[in-house]
């Protein structure tokens, strides 16, 4: 069974359980007790859903719901998340045909036969095909999965804001430095009693230096 694509013999339960998952609170661990007591599927045929969900990536090997499980419960990302789960769970089929979900029933059966070597009238083949079809009804393969949050982006933005703030703080400092510039001019006056000489010197300073 492990070599076959994911399936449930009681494939009719798949849409019912998935609908309940979207309604119920996410458990710490997705157990048989949660399936029976919280979701209301106590029958023995429903027990196969737990390993089925693990193969789809909705539940981890430790029984904890995965991030994909949470996305499936989110109305904004639910159908895209299920498409991601289908592609993951049926990866071998998608390796053979990347548009496996676009095949009609006969075409998909042929793909499964090719991948598994099952007989055309096999009950397992029927369960695989119907399990896949029931999952497809919850999926949108044209919807891109939610982009992961890049923690580095926030840090980079904060860094840019701090750099801009530093530049803003530097501007008034630069202006202040410009206002505080001063020149010291030492003038050695000649020894003379002629006032005209001093007048000529200060006039030249005023016209050539102080006006600049």
C-alpha atoms as a PDB file:
ATOM      1  CA  UNK A   1       0.000   0.000   0.000  1.00  0.00           C
ATOM      2  CA  UNK A   2       2.887   2.354   0.800  1.00  0.00           C
ATOM      3  CA  UNK A   3       4.021   2.134  -2.829  1.00  0.00           C
ATOM      4  CA  UNK A   4       0.639   3.292  -4.083  1.00  0.00           C
ATOM      5  CA  UNK A   5      -0.550   6.908  -4.210  1.00  0.00           C
ATOM      6  CA  UNK A   6      -2.588   8.034  -1.165  1.00  0.00           C
ATOM      7  CA  UNK A   7      -6.121   6.652  -0.993  1.00  0.00           C
ATOM      8  CA  UNK A   8      -8.945   5.649   1.314  1.00  0.00           C
ATOM      9  CA  UNK A   9     -11.192   2.697   0.607  1.00  0.00           C
ATOM     10  CA  UNK A  10     -14.005   4.733   2.195  1.00  0.00           C
ATOM     11  CA  UNK A  11     -13.231   7.616  -0.167  1.00  0.00           C
ATOM     12  CA  UNK A  12     -16.731   9.030   0.267  1.00  0.00           C
ATOM     13  CA  UNK A  13     -15.708  10.192   3.739  1.00  0.00           C
ATOM     14  CA  UNK A  14     -12.919  12.430   2.430  1.00  0.00           C
ATOM     15  CA  UNK A  15     -15.041  15.506   1.565  1.00  0.00           C
ATOM     16  CA  UNK A  16     -17.065  15.100   4.770  1.00  0.00           C
ATOM     17  CA  UNK A  17     -13.975  14.996   6.990  1.00  0.00           C
ATOM     18  CA  UNK A  18     -12.293  17.883   5.150  1.00  0.00           C
ATOM     19  CA  UNK A  19     -15.396  20.009   5.622  1.00  0.00           C
ATOM     20  CA  UNK A  20     -15.379  19.301   9.360  1.00  0.00           C
ATOM     21  CA  UNK A  21     -11.660  20.104   9.580  1.00  0.00           C
ATOM     22  CA  UNK A  22     -12.352  23.575   8.238  1.00  0.00           C
ATOM     23  CA  UNK A  23     -15.033  24.093  10.881  1.00  0.00           C
ATOM     24  CA  UNK A  24     -13.249  22.672  13.943  1.00  0.00           C
ATOM     25  CA  UNK A  25     -10.434  24.236  15.935  1.00  0.00           C
ATOM     26  CA  UNK A  26      -6.950  23.009  15.026  1.00  0.00           C
ATOM     27  CA  UNK A  27      -5.908  20.307  17.512  1.00  0.00           C
ATOM     28  CA  UNK A  28      -2.472  19.977  19.064  1.00  0.00           C
ATOM     29  CA  UNK A  29      -2.331  16.481  17.561  1.00  0.00           C
ATOM     30  CA  UNK A  30      -4.607  14.999  14.917  1.00  0.00           C
ATOM     31  CA  UNK A  31      -5.450  11.677  16.565  1.00  0.00           C
ATOM     32  CA  UNK A  32      -8.068   9.006  16.150  1.00  0.00           C
ATOM     33  CA  UNK A  33      -9.782  10.457  19.233  1.00  0.00           C
ATOM     34  CA  UNK A  34      -9.941  13.899  17.592  1.00  0.00           C
ATOM     35  CA  UNK A  35     -11.303  12.302  14.433  1.00  0.00           C
ATOM     36  CA  UNK A  36     -14.026  10.445  16.301  1.00  0.00           C
ATOM     37  CA  UNK A  37     -14.875  12.656  19.272  1.00  0.00           C
ATOM     38  CA  UNK A  38     -14.440  16.142  17.789  1.00  0.00           C
ATOM     39  CA  UNK A  39     -15.081  15.629  14.090  1.00  0.00           C
ATOM     40  CA  UNK A  40     -17.675  12.896  14.652  1.00  0.00           C
ATOM     41  CA  UNK A  41     -16.215  10.062  12.557  1.00  0.00           C
ATOM     42  CA  UNK A  42     -16.062   7.134  14.920  1.00  0.00           C
ATOM     43  CA  UNK A  43     -16.415   4.339  12.380  1.00  0.00           C
ATOM     44  CA  UNK A  44     -13.509   2.020  11.675  1.00  0.00           C
ATOM     45  CA  UNK A  45     -13.432   3.000   8.007  1.00  0.00           C
ATOM     46  CA  UNK A  46     -12.653   6.608   8.957  1.00  0.00           C
ATOM     47  CA  UNK A  47      -9.457   5.647  10.789  1.00  0.00           C
ATOM     48  CA  UNK A  48      -7.591   5.478   7.496  1.00  0.00           C
ATOM     49  CA  UNK A  49      -7.884   9.252   7.210  1.00  0.00           C
ATOM     50  CA  UNK A  50      -5.040   9.912   9.683  1.00  0.00           C
ATOM     51  CA  UNK A  51      -2.308   8.150   7.636  1.00  0.00           C
ATOM     52  CA  UNK A  52      -3.968   9.524   4.497  1.00  0.00           C
ATOM     53  CA  UNK A  53      -3.618  13.100   5.827  1.00  0.00           C
ATOM     54  CA  UNK A  54       0.014  12.453   6.751  1.00  0.00           C
ATOM     55  CA  UNK A  55       0.850  11.413   3.205  1.00  0.00           C
ATOM     56  CA  UNK A  56      -0.749  14.606   1.920  1.00  0.00           C
ATOM     57  CA  UNK A  57       1.380  16.721   4.260  1.00  0.00           C
ATOM     58  CA  UNK A  58      -1.600  18.013   6.233  1.00  0.00           C
ATOM     59  CA  UNK A  59      -0.433  16.197   9.359  1.00  0.00           C
ATOM     60  CA  UNK A  60       3.163  15.604  10.407  1.00  0.00           C
ATOM     61  CA  UNK A  61       4.672  12.234  11.263  1.00  0.00           C
ATOM     62  CA  UNK A  62       4.268  13.133  14.943  1.00  0.00           C
ATOM     63  CA  UNK A  63       0.559  13.747  14.446  1.00  0.00           C
ATOM     64  CA  UNK A  64       0.783  17.535  14.716  1.00  0.00           C
ATOM     65  CA  UNK A  65      -1.122  19.545  12.077  1.00  0.00           C
ATOM     66  CA  UNK A  66       1.282  21.191   9.666  1.00  0.00           C
ATOM     67  CA  UNK A  67       1.390  24.738   8.328  1.00  0.00           C
ATOM     68  CA  UNK A  68      -0.390  23.412   5.241  1.00  0.00           C
ATOM     69  CA  UNK A  69      -3.228  22.206   7.498  1.00  0.00           C
ATOM     70  CA  UNK A  70      -3.604  25.741   8.830  1.00  0.00           C
ATOM     71  CA  UNK A  71      -3.609  27.202   5.326  1.00  0.00           C
ATOM     72  CA  UNK A  72      -6.299  24.740   4.291  1.00  0.00           C
ATOM     73  CA  UNK A  73      -8.498  26.018   7.136  1.00  0.00           C
ATOM     74  CA  UNK A  74      -7.943  29.613   6.009  1.00  0.00           C
ATOM     75  CA  UNK A  75     -10.717  30.589   3.621  1.00  0.00           C
ATOM     76  CA  UNK A  76      -8.364  32.856   1.670  1.00  0.00           C
ATOM     77  CA  UNK A  77      -5.816  30.099   0.993  1.00  0.00           C
ATOM     78  CA  UNK A  78      -7.801  26.873   1.389  1.00  0.00           C
ATOM     79  CA  UNK A  79      -8.081  25.791  -2.234  1.00  0.00           C
ATOM     80  CA  UNK A  80      -4.495  26.682  -3.062  1.00  0.00           C
ATOM     81  CA  UNK A  81      -3.300  24.761   0.001  1.00  0.00           C
ATOM     82  CA  UNK A  82      -5.219  21.666  -1.046  1.00  0.00           C
ATOM     83  CA  UNK A  83      -3.716  21.887  -4.521  1.00  0.00           C
ATOM     84  CA  UNK A  84      -0.298  21.960  -2.868  1.00  0.00           C
ATOM     85  CA  UNK A  85      -1.222  18.929  -0.725  1.00  0.00           C
ATOM     86  CA  UNK A  86      -2.373  16.991  -3.792  1.00  0.00           C
ATOM     87  CA  UNK A  87       0.806  17.754  -5.711  1.00  0.00           C
ATOM     88  CA  UNK A  88       2.855  16.658  -2.710  1.00  0.00           C
ATOM     89  CA  UNK A  89       0.921  13.477  -1.940  1.00  0.00           C
ATOM     90  CA  UNK A  90       0.746  12.361  -5.548  1.00  0.00           C
ATOM     91  CA  UNK A  91       4.262  13.512  -6.451  1.00  0.00           C
ATOM     92  CA  UNK A  92       5.077  10.342  -8.394  1.00  0.00           C
ATOM     93  CA  UNK A  93       2.081  10.840 -10.659  1.00  0.00           C
ATOM     94  CA  UNK A  94       3.007  14.490 -11.171  1.00  0.00           C
ATOM     95  CA  UNK A  95       6.529  13.446 -12.113  1.00  0.00           C
ATOM     96  CA  UNK A  96       4.996  11.428 -14.918  1.00  0.00           C
ATOM     97  CA  UNK A  97       2.464  14.112 -15.867  1.00  0.00           C
ATOM     98  CA  UNK A  98       2.703  17.602 -14.375  1.00  0.00           C
ATOM     99  CA  UNK A  99      -0.936  18.226 -15.355  1.00  0.00           C
ATOM    100  CA  UNK A 100      -2.303  15.080 -13.724  1.00  0.00           C
ATOM    101  CA  UNK A 101      -5.213  17.023 -12.253  1.00  0.00           C
ATOM    102  CA  UNK A 102      -6.284  18.140 -15.730  1.00  0.00           C
ATOM    103  CA  UNK A 103      -6.716  14.600 -17.037  1.00  0.00           C
ATOM    104  CA  UNK A 104     -10.192  13.159 -17.420  1.00  0.00           C
ATOM    105  CA  UNK A 105     -11.064  10.106 -15.362  1.00  0.00           C
ATOM    106  CA  UNK A 106      -9.997   7.606 -18.024  1.00  0.00           C
ATOM    107  CA  UNK A 107      -6.722   9.417 -18.608  1.00  0.00           C
ATOM    108  CA  UNK A 108      -5.989   9.591 -14.880  1.00  0.00           C
ATOM    109  CA  UNK A 109      -6.768   5.890 -14.463  1.00  0.00           C
ATOM    110  CA  UNK A 110      -4.254   5.139 -17.220  1.00  0.00           C
ATOM    111  CA  UNK A 111      -1.648   7.242 -15.432  1.00  0.00           C
ATOM    112  CA  UNK A 112      -2.224   5.344 -12.166  1.00  0.00           C
ATOM    113  CA  UNK A 113      -2.081   2.000 -13.953  1.00  0.00           C
ATOM    114  CA  UNK A 114       1.218   2.959 -15.528  1.00  0.00           C
ATOM    115  CA  UNK A 115       2.672   4.089 -12.182  1.00  0.00           C
ATOM    116  CA  UNK A 116       1.415   1.224 -10.009  1.00  0.00           C
ATOM    117  CA  UNK A 117       1.014  -1.804 -12.248  1.00  0.00           C
ATOM    118  CA  UNK A 118      -2.470  -2.446 -10.854  1.00  0.00           C
ATOM    119  CA  UNK A 119      -5.088  -4.307 -12.828  1.00  0.00           C
ATOM    120  CA  UNK A 120      -7.704  -2.237 -14.623  1.00  0.00           C
ATOM    121  CA  UNK A 121     -10.532  -3.672 -12.503  1.00  0.00           C
ATOM    122  CA  UNK A 122      -8.697  -3.390  -9.184  1.00  0.00           C
ATOM    123  CA  UNK A 123     -10.669  -2.006  -6.207  1.00  0.00           C
ATOM    124  CA  UNK A 124      -7.464  -0.247  -5.152  1.00  0.00           C
ATOM    125  CA  UNK A 125      -7.316   1.550  -8.483  1.00  0.00           C
ATOM    126  CA  UNK A 126     -10.903   2.710  -7.999  1.00  0.00           C
ATOM    127  CA  UNK A 127     -10.097   3.930  -4.470  1.00  0.00           C
ATOM    128  CA  UNK A 128      -7.020   5.855  -5.662  1.00  0.00           C
ATOM    129  CA  UNK A 129      -8.897   7.543  -8.487  1.00  0.00           C
ATOM    130  CA  UNK A 130     -11.931   8.455  -6.352  1.00  0.00           C
ATOM    131  CA  UNK A 131      -9.766   9.684  -3.470  1.00  0.00           C
ATOM    132  CA  UNK A 132      -7.910  11.930  -5.905  1.00  0.00           C
ATOM    133  CA  UNK A 133     -11.146  13.215  -7.441  1.00  0.00           C
ATOM    134  CA  UNK A 134     -12.607  14.043  -4.011  1.00  0.00           C
ATOM    135  CA  UNK A 135      -9.495  16.001  -3.063  1.00  0.00           C
ATOM    136  CA  UNK A 136      -9.623  17.876  -6.371  1.00  0.00           C
ATOM    137  CA  UNK A 137     -13.060  19.239  -5.482  1.00  0.00           C
ATOM    138  CA  UNK A 138     -11.389  21.200  -2.643  1.00  0.00           C
ATOM    139  CA  UNK A 139      -8.445  22.430  -4.728  1.00  0.00           C
ATOM    140  CA  UNK A 140      -7.660  25.242  -7.115  1.00  0.00           C
ATOM    141  CA  UNK A 141      -4.537  24.369  -9.072  1.00  0.00           C
ATOM    142  CA  UNK A 142      -4.374  27.824 -10.581  1.00  0.00           C
ATOM    143  CA  UNK A 143      -4.104  29.480  -7.190  1.00  0.00           C
ATOM    144  CA  UNK A 144      -0.567  30.215  -6.087  1.00  0.00           C
ATOM    145  CA  UNK A 145       0.229  29.026  -2.546  1.00  0.00           C
ATOM    146  CA  UNK A 146       0.604  31.794   0.042  1.00  0.00           C
ATOM    147  CA  UNK A 147       4.068  33.288  -0.126  1.00  0.00           C
ATOM    148  CA  UNK A 148       6.181  32.517   2.897  1.00  0.00           C
ATOM    149  CA  UNK A 149       7.066  35.345   5.167  1.00  0.00           C
ATOM    150  CA  UNK A 150      10.649  36.477   4.666  1.00  0.00           C
ATOM    151  CA  UNK A 151      11.947  37.567   8.054  1.00  0.00           C
ATOM    152  CA  UNK A 152      14.883  39.327   6.417  1.00  0.00           C
ATOM    153  CA  UNK A 153      12.614  41.752   4.573  1.00  0.00           C
ATOM    154  CA  UNK A 154      11.426  43.391   7.773  1.00  0.00           C
ATOM    155  CA  UNK A 155      14.991  43.748   9.022  1.00  0.00           C
ATOM    156  CA  UNK A 156      16.051  45.254   5.718  1.00  0.00           C
ATOM    157  CA  UNK A 157      13.192  47.753   5.769  1.00  0.00           C
ATOM    158  CA  UNK A 158      14.027  48.721   9.336  1.00  0.00           C
ATOM    159  CA  UNK A 159      17.638  49.184   8.312  1.00  0.00           C
ATOM    160  CA  UNK A 160      16.621  51.469   5.449  1.00  0.00           C
ATOM    161  CA  UNK A 161      14.434  53.527   7.793  1.00  0.00           C
ATOM    162  CA  UNK A 162      17.246  53.889  10.321  1.00  0.00           C
ATOM    163  CA  UNK A 163      19.679  54.912   7.578  1.00  0.00           C
ATOM    164  CA  UNK A 164      17.234  57.552   6.322  1.00  0.00           C
ATOM    165  CA  UNK A 165      16.757  58.818   9.872  1.00  0.00           C
ATOM    166  CA  UNK A 166      20.529  59.081  10.320  1.00  0.00           C
ATOM    167  CA  UNK A 167      20.769  61.072   7.106  1.00  0.00           C
ATOM    168  CA  UNK A 168      18.008  63.406   8.277  1.00  0.00           C
ATOM    169  CA  UNK A 169      19.778  63.921  11.573  1.00  0.00           C
ATOM    170  CA  UNK A 170      23.028  64.623   9.746  1.00  0.00           C
ATOM    171  CA  UNK A 171      21.512  67.399   7.616  1.00  0.00           C
ATOM    172  CA  UNK A 172      20.946  69.940  10.398  1.00  0.00           C
ATOM    173  CA  UNK A 173      24.379  69.090  11.759  1.00  0.00           C
ATOM    174  CA  UNK A 174      25.909  69.881   8.386  1.00  0.00           C
ATOM    175  CA  UNK A 175      24.000  73.119   8.244  1.00  0.00           C
ATOM    176  CA  UNK A 176      25.161  73.976  11.725  1.00  0.00           C
ATOM    177  CA  UNK A 177      28.759  73.322  10.783  1.00  0.00           C
ATOM    178  CA  UNK A 178      28.363  75.597   7.780  1.00  0.00           C
ATOM    179  CA  UNK A 179      27.046  78.456   9.938  1.00  0.00           C
ATOM    180  CA  UNK A 180      29.867  78.098  12.406  1.00  0.00           C
ATOM    181  CA  UNK A 181      32.647  78.504   9.843  1.00  0.00           C
ATOM    182  CA  UNK A 182      34.833  81.548  10.545  1.00  0.00           C
ATOM    183  CA  UNK A 183      37.936  83.083   9.095  1.00  0.00           C
ATOM    184  CA  UNK A 184      40.801  84.621  11.035  1.00  0.00           C
ATOM    185  CA  UNK A 185      42.780  87.245   9.124  1.00  0.00           C
ATOM    186  CA  UNK A 186      45.973  88.665  10.553  1.00  0.00           C
ATOM    187  CA  UNK A 187      46.908  92.066   9.159  1.00  0.00           C
ATOM    188  CA  UNK A 188      50.310  93.586   9.675  1.00  0.00           C
ATOM    189  CA  UNK A 189      49.899  97.315   9.291  1.00  0.00           C
ATOM    190  CA  UNK A 190      52.800  99.457   8.168  1.00  0.00           C
ATOM    191  CA  UNK A 191      54.262 102.003  10.500  1.00  0.00           C
ATOM    192  CA  UNK A 192      52.909 105.294   9.184  1.00  0.00           C
ATOM    193  CA  UNK A 193      51.037 108.313  10.374  1.00  0.00           C
ATOM    194  CA  UNK A 194      49.255 108.680   7.039  1.00  0.00           C
ATOM    195  CA  UNK A 195      45.561 107.889   7.588  1.00  0.00           C
ATOM    196  CA  UNK A 196      45.050 107.526   3.847  1.00  0.00           C
ATOM    197  CA  UNK A 197      47.214 104.394   3.894  1.00  0.00           C
ATOM    198  CA  UNK A 198      44.977 102.744   6.516  1.00  0.00           C
ATOM    199  CA  UNK A 199      41.851 103.806   4.643  1.00  0.00           C
ATOM    200  CA  UNK A 200      43.191 102.238   1.461  1.00  0.00           C
ATOM    201  CA  UNK A 201      44.028  98.969   3.245  1.00  0.00           C
ATOM    202  CA  UNK A 202      40.581  98.560   4.880  1.00  0.00           C
ATOM    203  CA  UNK A 203      38.785  99.571   1.718  1.00  0.00           C
ATOM    204  CA  UNK A 204      40.621  96.838  -0.169  1.00  0.00           C
ATOM    205  CA  UNK A 205      39.725  94.267   2.513  1.00  0.00           C
ATOM    206  CA  UNK A 206      36.091  95.268   2.392  1.00  0.00           C
ATOM    207  CA  UNK A 207      35.875  95.068  -1.378  1.00  0.00           C
ATOM    208  CA  UNK A 208      37.902  91.893  -1.911  1.00  0.00           C
ATOM    209  CA  UNK A 209      37.241  89.731   1.174  1.00  0.00           C
ATOM    210  CA  UNK A 210      34.328  90.802   3.317  1.00  0.00           C
ATOM    211  CA  UNK A 211      31.833  90.894   0.451  1.00  0.00           C
ATOM    212  CA  UNK A 212      32.471  87.216  -0.465  1.00  0.00           C
END
